[in-house]
């Protein structure tokens, strides 16, 4: 099977992984625990390998991405279904902790991932992105106890300066999924971070701002206890001198005010509500802010959906319909089973540029220090 996954071509590799998930792991859940290290390793390396050394990672880079990525998508789809069904909570817990250990180089075999690599195209960077993609898929389905521990570790990664621009969006999405329905965690993590105006790492500041922006987009003043505190804490950042902080805040405020101004005014009342109404008018009518908003329209703020961004399609840019056939007919022989795999292969081969280095989620369109888009 390891040889077929790497050397057999995309059709064979997808069929093998689909059969392994649906016909081996699915009917025999007791095997999940014994295969957990291999499953986590495959999520990171996109293949079965004898070791997790840096040399093995370099060898993985020599493999065809059009073969490795579809196989990993099939495996991640299976893991996503397990997490959704909540049928194997202990396995999901173990997998999540194992993936976090890989992402943070906490496990001994992955200690070589601790250093910041030279570029986004390096083997170590590809592994980190792949692991965070899997974590983003699992995040919405964690129970509160597990989510608290995962949130603490994810927050540590967010505060680290040693993260490339294609990893930070994945960390932000992971934390966003964990914070969405946990106001206590918002009060413990985000509000103090927004209220700290002293100089800090620029990358960390932008990550926190972007995390707050999308969290506000997912909530409203009527159904979220942290909406108004976050909005109040965010307002001063609209005055920041850096383009990459100021413009996203202003763009979000324009969206929030257009959606919820009446409800916001009711909660603020009097002079504060009138002041925000003038800010809304300025953002709407000023030519320069309108043009700036158009030039920075890399993200469809109005259409943002956390449920979509943490889905298979949101993370990988691949529709779940193309993997459904692979899981529905696991008992077919290989030659007839390939037909269900072909849909997935066609889509993934046509968009193979969406590799482990590139996610499709909207948080990947954050703004760099020079004001350009970072993938």
Protein backbone atom coordinates (compact mmCIF):
# COMPACT_ATOMS: atom_id res chain seq x y z
CA UNK A 1 0.00 0.00 0.00
CA UNK A 2 2.72 2.58 0.76
CA UNK A 3 4.23 1.95 -2.66
CA UNK A 4 0.84 2.30 -4.35
CA UNK A 5 0.09 5.56 -2.57
CA UNK A 6 3.29 7.16 -3.81
CA UNK A 7 4.22 5.40 -7.04
CA UNK A 8 0.89 4.16 -8.40
CA UNK A 9 -0.48 7.39 -9.81
CA UNK A 10 -3.36 9.53 -8.63
CA UNK A 11 -6.18 7.10 -9.50
CA UNK A 12 -4.60 4.19 -7.69
CA UNK A 13 -3.53 6.25 -4.67
CA UNK A 14 -6.99 7.77 -4.21
CA UNK A 15 -8.65 4.38 -4.61
CA UNK A 16 -6.29 2.76 -2.12
CA UNK A 17 -6.73 5.46 0.51
CA UNK A 18 -10.48 5.49 0.01
CA UNK A 19 -10.62 1.71 0.40
CA UNK A 20 -8.37 1.84 3.47
CA UNK A 21 -10.57 4.44 5.19
CA UNK A 22 -13.99 3.06 4.26
CA UNK A 23 -13.33 -0.70 4.27
CA UNK A 24 -10.60 -1.11 6.89
CA UNK A 25 -10.73 1.72 9.42
CA UNK A 26 -14.46 2.37 9.14
CA UNK A 27 -15.75 -1.16 9.91
CA UNK A 28 -12.92 -1.87 12.39
CA UNK A 29 -12.73 1.21 14.66
CA UNK A 30 -10.55 -0.66 17.13
CA UNK A 31 -7.74 -0.30 14.58
CA UNK A 32 -7.82 3.48 14.80
CA UNK A 33 -5.72 3.67 17.97
CA UNK A 34 -2.96 1.46 16.59
CA UNK A 35 -2.89 3.37 13.30
CA UNK A 36 -3.02 6.82 14.94
CA UNK A 37 0.71 7.67 14.54
CA UNK A 38 0.60 6.60 10.90
CA UNK A 39 -2.57 8.60 10.24
CA UNK A 40 -1.08 11.73 11.81
CA UNK A 41 2.12 11.14 9.88
CA UNK A 42 0.18 10.87 6.63
CA UNK A 43 -1.69 14.10 7.40
CA UNK A 44 1.69 15.80 7.73
CA UNK A 45 3.83 14.09 5.10
CA UNK A 46 1.05 13.17 2.65
CA UNK A 47 2.51 9.67 2.43
CA UNK A 48 3.54 6.65 4.46
CA UNK A 49 7.25 6.84 5.27
CA UNK A 50 9.63 4.77 7.32
CA UNK A 51 10.68 7.75 9.45
CA UNK A 52 9.76 11.34 10.22
CA UNK A 53 13.23 12.74 9.75
CA UNK A 54 14.13 15.81 7.74
CA UNK A 55 15.61 13.54 5.12
CA UNK A 56 12.25 11.79 4.74
CA UNK A 57 10.58 15.17 4.32
CA UNK A 58 13.01 16.10 1.56
CA UNK A 59 12.25 12.78 -0.11
CA UNK A 60 8.54 13.58 0.11
CA UNK A 61 9.13 16.80 -1.80
CA UNK A 62 10.37 14.78 -4.75
CA UNK A 63 6.99 13.06 -5.07
CA UNK A 64 4.35 14.38 -7.42
CA UNK A 65 2.02 16.78 -5.61
CA UNK A 66 -0.83 15.76 -7.91
CA UNK A 67 -0.59 12.28 -6.34
CA UNK A 68 0.05 13.27 -2.72
CA UNK A 69 -2.59 15.95 -2.27
CA UNK A 70 -5.69 13.98 -3.42
CA UNK A 71 -4.75 11.10 -1.13
CA UNK A 72 -4.42 13.42 1.85
CA UNK A 73 -7.77 15.04 1.04
CA UNK A 74 -9.47 11.62 1.08
CA UNK A 75 -7.92 10.81 4.46
CA UNK A 76 -8.86 14.21 5.89
CA UNK A 77 -12.42 13.76 4.67
CA UNK A 78 -12.62 10.47 6.57
CA UNK A 79 -11.23 12.11 9.72
CA UNK A 80 -13.70 14.96 9.35
CA UNK A 81 -16.61 12.51 9.23
CA UNK A 82 -15.30 10.79 12.37
CA UNK A 83 -15.09 14.10 14.21
CA UNK A 84 -18.58 15.14 13.10
CA UNK A 85 -20.17 11.86 14.13
CA UNK A 86 -18.47 11.97 17.57
CA UNK A 87 -18.37 8.19 17.42
CA UNK A 88 -14.67 7.95 18.30
CA UNK A 89 -13.96 10.77 20.77
CA UNK A 90 -10.82 9.18 22.23
CA UNK A 91 -9.29 8.73 18.81
CA UNK A 92 -10.12 12.31 17.79
CA UNK A 93 -8.60 13.57 21.04
CA UNK A 94 -5.44 11.56 20.48
CA UNK A 95 -5.20 12.65 16.85
CA UNK A 96 -5.66 16.32 17.72
CA UNK A 97 -2.97 16.22 20.41
CA UNK A 98 -0.62 14.35 18.09
CA UNK A 99 -1.13 16.88 15.30
CA UNK A 100 -0.53 19.76 17.72
CA UNK A 101 2.68 18.07 18.85
CA UNK A 102 3.80 17.91 15.22
CA UNK A 103 2.82 21.52 14.50
CA UNK A 104 4.70 22.77 17.56
CA UNK A 105 7.64 20.37 17.19
CA UNK A 106 6.81 19.03 20.66
CA UNK A 107 7.15 15.35 19.74
CA UNK A 108 10.73 14.07 19.67
CA UNK A 109 10.65 12.76 16.06
CA UNK A 110 9.47 16.18 14.85
CA UNK A 111 11.88 18.34 16.88
CA UNK A 112 13.66 19.40 13.69
CA UNK A 113 10.53 21.40 12.75
CA UNK A 114 11.22 23.87 15.59
CA UNK A 115 13.48 26.18 13.59
CA UNK A 116 12.13 28.70 11.11
CA UNK A 117 12.87 27.36 7.66
CA UNK A 118 14.35 29.43 4.87
CA UNK A 119 11.30 29.71 2.67
CA UNK A 120 7.64 28.86 2.20
CA UNK A 121 8.51 26.22 -0.35
CA UNK A 122 10.60 24.17 2.07
CA UNK A 123 9.72 20.69 3.24
CA UNK A 124 9.25 21.72 6.87
CA UNK A 125 6.90 24.53 5.90
CA UNK A 126 4.80 22.19 3.76
CA UNK A 127 4.43 19.80 6.68
CA UNK A 128 3.36 22.56 9.07
CA UNK A 129 0.73 23.86 6.66
CA UNK A 130 -0.61 20.35 6.04
CA UNK A 131 -0.92 19.70 9.78
CA UNK A 132 -2.73 22.98 10.44
CA UNK A 133 -5.12 22.23 7.59
CA UNK A 134 -6.11 18.99 9.32
CA UNK A 135 -6.44 20.82 12.64
CA UNK A 136 -8.76 23.40 11.05
CA UNK A 137 -11.06 20.61 9.88
CA UNK A 138 -11.26 19.10 13.37
CA UNK A 139 -11.58 22.34 15.37
CA UNK A 140 -15.35 22.95 15.02
CA UNK A 141 -16.19 19.48 16.34
CA UNK A 142 -14.19 19.42 19.58
CA UNK A 143 -15.89 19.18 22.96
CA UNK A 144 -15.36 22.02 25.43
CA UNK A 145 -12.72 20.27 27.53
CA UNK A 146 -10.58 19.37 24.56
CA UNK A 147 -11.17 22.75 22.94
CA UNK A 148 -9.81 24.59 25.99
CA UNK A 149 -6.50 22.76 25.83
CA UNK A 150 -6.31 23.09 22.06
CA UNK A 151 -7.08 26.80 22.30
CA UNK A 152 -4.24 27.36 24.73
CA UNK A 153 -1.76 25.63 22.47
CA UNK A 154 -3.09 27.32 19.35
CA UNK A 155 -2.78 30.70 21.05
CA UNK A 156 0.88 29.94 21.79
CA UNK A 157 1.43 29.31 18.09
CA UNK A 158 -0.32 32.56 17.18
CA UNK A 159 1.96 34.53 19.51
CA UNK A 160 5.07 32.98 17.99
CA UNK A 161 7.01 35.17 15.57
CA UNK A 162 8.41 32.12 13.80
CA UNK A 163 5.47 31.47 11.49
CA UNK A 164 5.44 32.00 7.75
CA UNK A 165 2.62 33.87 6.06
CA UNK A 166 1.05 30.69 4.75
CA UNK A 167 0.86 29.16 8.25
CA UNK A 168 -0.61 32.10 10.17
CA UNK A 169 -3.95 32.02 8.28
CA UNK A 170 -4.37 28.36 9.24
CA UNK A 171 -3.62 29.10 12.91
CA UNK A 172 -6.09 32.00 12.82
CA UNK A 173 -8.81 29.80 11.33
CA UNK A 174 -8.16 27.09 13.93
CA UNK A 175 -8.53 29.60 16.77
CA UNK A 176 -11.55 31.24 15.20
CA UNK A 177 -13.38 27.91 15.13
CA UNK A 178 -12.54 27.31 18.79
CA UNK A 179 -13.50 30.82 19.95
CA UNK A 180 -16.76 31.18 18.04
CA UNK A 181 -19.07 29.78 20.74
CA UNK A 182 -16.84 30.26 23.78
CA UNK A 183 -17.21 33.81 25.15
CA UNK A 184 -15.17 32.99 28.26
CA UNK A 185 -12.18 32.19 26.05
CA UNK A 186 -12.72 35.40 24.09
CA UNK A 187 -12.63 37.38 27.32
CA UNK A 188 -9.52 35.55 28.49
CA UNK A 189 -7.49 35.74 25.25
CA UNK A 190 -8.69 38.31 22.74
CA UNK A 191 -9.87 41.22 24.87
CA UNK A 192 -6.59 41.55 26.82
CA UNK A 193 -4.63 41.26 23.56
CA UNK A 194 -6.67 44.04 21.94
CA UNK A 195 -6.26 46.24 25.00
CA UNK A 196 -2.45 45.95 24.99
CA UNK A 197 -1.26 48.91 22.91
CA UNK A 198 2.44 48.64 23.65
CA UNK A 199 4.78 47.64 20.86
CA UNK A 200 4.70 43.94 20.04
CA UNK A 201 5.52 41.71 17.10
CA UNK A 202 3.93 43.19 14.01
CA UNK A 203 2.91 39.77 12.67
CA UNK A 204 1.26 38.86 15.95
CA UNK A 205 -0.65 42.14 16.07
CA UNK A 206 -2.02 41.63 12.56
CA UNK A 207 -3.02 38.04 13.38
CA UNK A 208 -4.96 39.15 16.46
CA UNK A 209 -6.69 41.92 14.52
CA UNK A 210 -7.69 39.56 11.70
CA UNK A 211 -8.94 36.97 14.20
CA UNK A 212 -11.16 39.59 15.85
CA UNK A 213 -12.42 40.83 12.48
CA UNK A 214 -13.70 37.47 11.37
CA UNK A 215 -15.06 36.62 14.81
CA UNK A 216 -17.20 39.77 14.65
CA UNK A 217 -18.35 38.81 11.17
CA UNK A 218 -19.59 35.51 12.56
CA UNK A 219 -21.61 37.10 15.35
CA UNK A 220 -23.95 40.00 16.04
CA UNK A 221 -24.83 42.34 18.91
CA UNK A 222 -27.98 40.40 19.73
CA UNK A 223 -26.67 36.83 19.88
CA UNK A 224 -23.10 37.23 21.10
CA UNK A 225 -22.05 38.51 24.55
CA UNK A 226 -18.58 39.35 23.28
CA UNK A 227 -19.66 41.38 20.24
CA UNK A 228 -19.84 44.84 21.83
CA UNK A 229 -16.73 44.44 24.05
CA UNK A 230 -14.73 43.34 21.00
CA UNK A 231 -16.10 46.19 18.90
CA UNK A 232 -15.16 48.76 21.56
CA UNK A 233 -11.69 47.27 21.93
CA UNK A 234 -11.19 47.18 18.16
CA UNK A 235 -12.12 50.81 17.41
CA UNK A 236 -8.77 52.37 18.45
CA UNK A 237 -6.95 50.11 15.99
CA UNK A 238 -8.68 51.93 13.12
CA UNK A 239 -6.26 54.79 13.93
CA UNK A 240 -3.13 52.66 13.58
CA UNK A 241 -0.44 54.10 11.34
CA UNK A 242 0.25 50.79 9.60
CA UNK A 243 -1.74 50.13 6.46
CA UNK A 244 -2.08 46.40 7.14
CA UNK A 245 -3.78 47.03 10.49
CA UNK A 246 -5.80 50.15 9.76
CA UNK A 247 -7.36 49.11 6.44
CA UNK A 248 -8.77 45.72 7.55
CA UNK A 249 -10.27 47.34 10.65
CA UNK A 250 -11.89 50.10 8.61
CA UNK A 251 -13.18 47.62 6.03
CA UNK A 252 -14.71 45.46 8.74
CA UNK A 253 -16.27 48.41 10.55
CA UNK A 254 -17.95 49.40 7.31
CA UNK A 255 -19.49 45.91 7.03
CA UNK A 256 -20.46 45.72 10.71
CA UNK A 257 -22.05 49.17 10.74
CA UNK A 258 -24.02 48.45 7.57
CA UNK A 259 -25.40 45.27 9.16
CA UNK A 260 -25.92 46.19 12.79
CA UNK A 261 -25.85 49.98 13.24
CA UNK A 262 -29.38 50.17 14.60
CA UNK A 263 -28.75 47.44 17.18
CA UNK A 264 -25.36 48.95 18.09
CA UNK A 265 -26.92 52.36 18.65
CA UNK A 266 -29.56 50.84 20.90
CA UNK A 267 -26.88 49.29 23.08
CA UNK A 268 -24.64 52.35 23.14
CA UNK A 269 -27.36 54.97 23.23
CA UNK A 270 -27.07 58.75 23.01
CA UNK A 271 -23.82 60.42 22.06
CA UNK A 272 -21.78 57.25 21.55
CA UNK A 273 -24.30 55.96 19.03
CA UNK A 274 -24.30 59.27 17.17
CA UNK A 275 -20.51 59.28 17.06
CA UNK A 276 -20.41 55.84 15.46
CA UNK A 277 -23.06 56.93 12.99
CA UNK A 278 -20.73 59.70 11.83
CA UNK A 279 -17.89 57.20 11.53
CA UNK A 280 -20.14 55.00 9.41
CA UNK A 281 -21.02 57.93 7.17
CA UNK A 282 -17.35 58.78 6.72
CA UNK A 283 -16.43 55.20 5.79
CA UNK A 284 -19.32 55.05 3.35
CA UNK A 285 -18.98 58.43 1.63
CA UNK A 286 -15.29 59.32 1.70
CA UNK A 287 -13.77 58.69 -1.73
CA UNK A 288 -10.34 57.68 -0.47
CA UNK A 289 -11.62 55.13 2.02
CA UNK A 290 -13.97 53.71 -0.62
CA UNK A 291 -11.13 53.34 -3.14
CA UNK A 292 -8.87 51.86 -0.50
CA UNK A 293 -11.55 49.36 0.40
CA UNK A 294 -11.90 48.36 -3.24
CA UNK A 295 -8.16 47.94 -3.69
CA UNK A 296 -8.02 45.73 -0.62
CA UNK A 297 -11.07 43.67 -1.59
CA UNK A 298 -9.13 40.41 -1.46
CA UNK A 299 -11.68 38.87 0.87
CA UNK A 300 -15.43 38.75 0.46
CA UNK A 301 -16.23 40.02 3.94
CA UNK A 302 -19.96 39.98 3.27
CA UNK A 303 -19.86 36.34 2.23
CA UNK A 304 -17.58 35.01 4.95
CA UNK A 305 -18.78 31.76 6.50
CA UNK A 306 -16.82 29.95 9.20
CA UNK A 307 -18.69 26.72 8.45
CA UNK A 308 -17.51 26.88 4.85
CA UNK A 309 -13.94 27.88 5.67
CA UNK A 310 -13.51 24.91 8.03
CA UNK A 311 -15.06 22.47 5.56
CA UNK A 312 -13.14 20.30 3.12
CA UNK A 313 -13.90 22.74 0.34
CA UNK A 314 -12.87 25.75 2.39
CA UNK A 315 -9.55 24.27 3.51
CA UNK A 316 -8.51 22.52 0.31
CA UNK A 317 -10.63 24.20 -2.35
CA UNK A 318 -12.19 20.83 -3.18
CA UNK A 319 -15.90 20.06 -3.07
CA UNK A 320 -16.92 17.32 -0.67
CA UNK A 321 -19.11 15.86 -3.44
CA UNK A 322 -15.99 14.68 -5.23
CA UNK A 323 -14.94 12.59 -2.23
CA UNK A 324 -18.40 11.32 -1.30
CA UNK A 325 -18.41 8.65 -3.98
CA UNK A 326 -15.13 7.26 -2.74
CA UNK A 327 -16.58 6.62 0.72
CA UNK A 328 -20.02 5.40 -0.33
CA UNK A 329 -18.95 2.33 -2.31
CA UNK A 330 -15.99 0.85 -0.45
CA UNK A 331 -16.77 -2.76 -1.28
CA UNK A 332 -16.35 -2.44 -5.06
CA UNK A 333 -13.34 -3.91 -6.78
CA UNK A 334 -10.57 -1.57 -7.80
CA UNK A 335 -11.44 -1.37 -11.50
CA UNK A 336 -15.05 -0.31 -10.82
CA UNK A 337 -14.19 1.67 -7.70
CA UNK A 338 -11.97 3.95 -9.78
CA UNK A 339 -15.05 5.54 -11.31
CA UNK A 340 -16.00 7.16 -8.01
CA UNK A 341 -12.42 8.29 -7.50
CA UNK A 342 -12.18 9.91 -10.93
CA UNK A 343 -14.33 12.87 -9.92
CA UNK A 344 -11.96 13.70 -7.11
CA UNK A 345 -8.92 13.11 -9.30
CA UNK A 346 -10.18 15.37 -12.07
CA UNK A 347 -10.84 18.26 -9.73
CA UNK A 348 -7.61 17.88 -7.80
CA UNK A 349 -5.48 17.47 -10.90
CA UNK A 350 -7.06 20.54 -12.47
CA UNK A 351 -6.32 22.66 -9.38
CA UNK A 352 -3.16 20.98 -8.15
CA UNK A 353 -1.70 24.40 -7.46
CA UNK A 354 -3.75 24.32 -4.25
CA UNK A 355 -1.01 22.33 -2.56
CA UNK A 356 0.05 22.01 1.04
CA UNK A 357 1.57 25.48 0.72
CA UNK A 358 -1.77 27.08 -0.27
CA UNK A 359 -5.13 26.88 1.44
CA UNK A 360 -8.24 28.42 -0.06
CA UNK A 361 -9.69 29.93 3.09
CA UNK A 362 -10.36 33.65 3.20
CA UNK A 363 -8.08 34.16 6.17
CA UNK A 364 -5.19 33.42 3.81
CA UNK A 365 -5.84 36.79 2.17
CA UNK A 366 -4.47 38.72 5.11
CA UNK A 367 -2.35 41.78 4.50
CA UNK A 368 1.44 41.76 4.59
CA UNK A 369 3.65 44.39 6.11
CA UNK A 370 3.92 46.08 2.73
CA UNK A 371 0.15 46.06 2.21
CA UNK A 372 0.08 43.20 -0.29
CA UNK A 373 -1.85 39.95 0.03
CA UNK A 374 -0.22 37.07 1.83
CA UNK A 375 -1.11 33.56 0.94
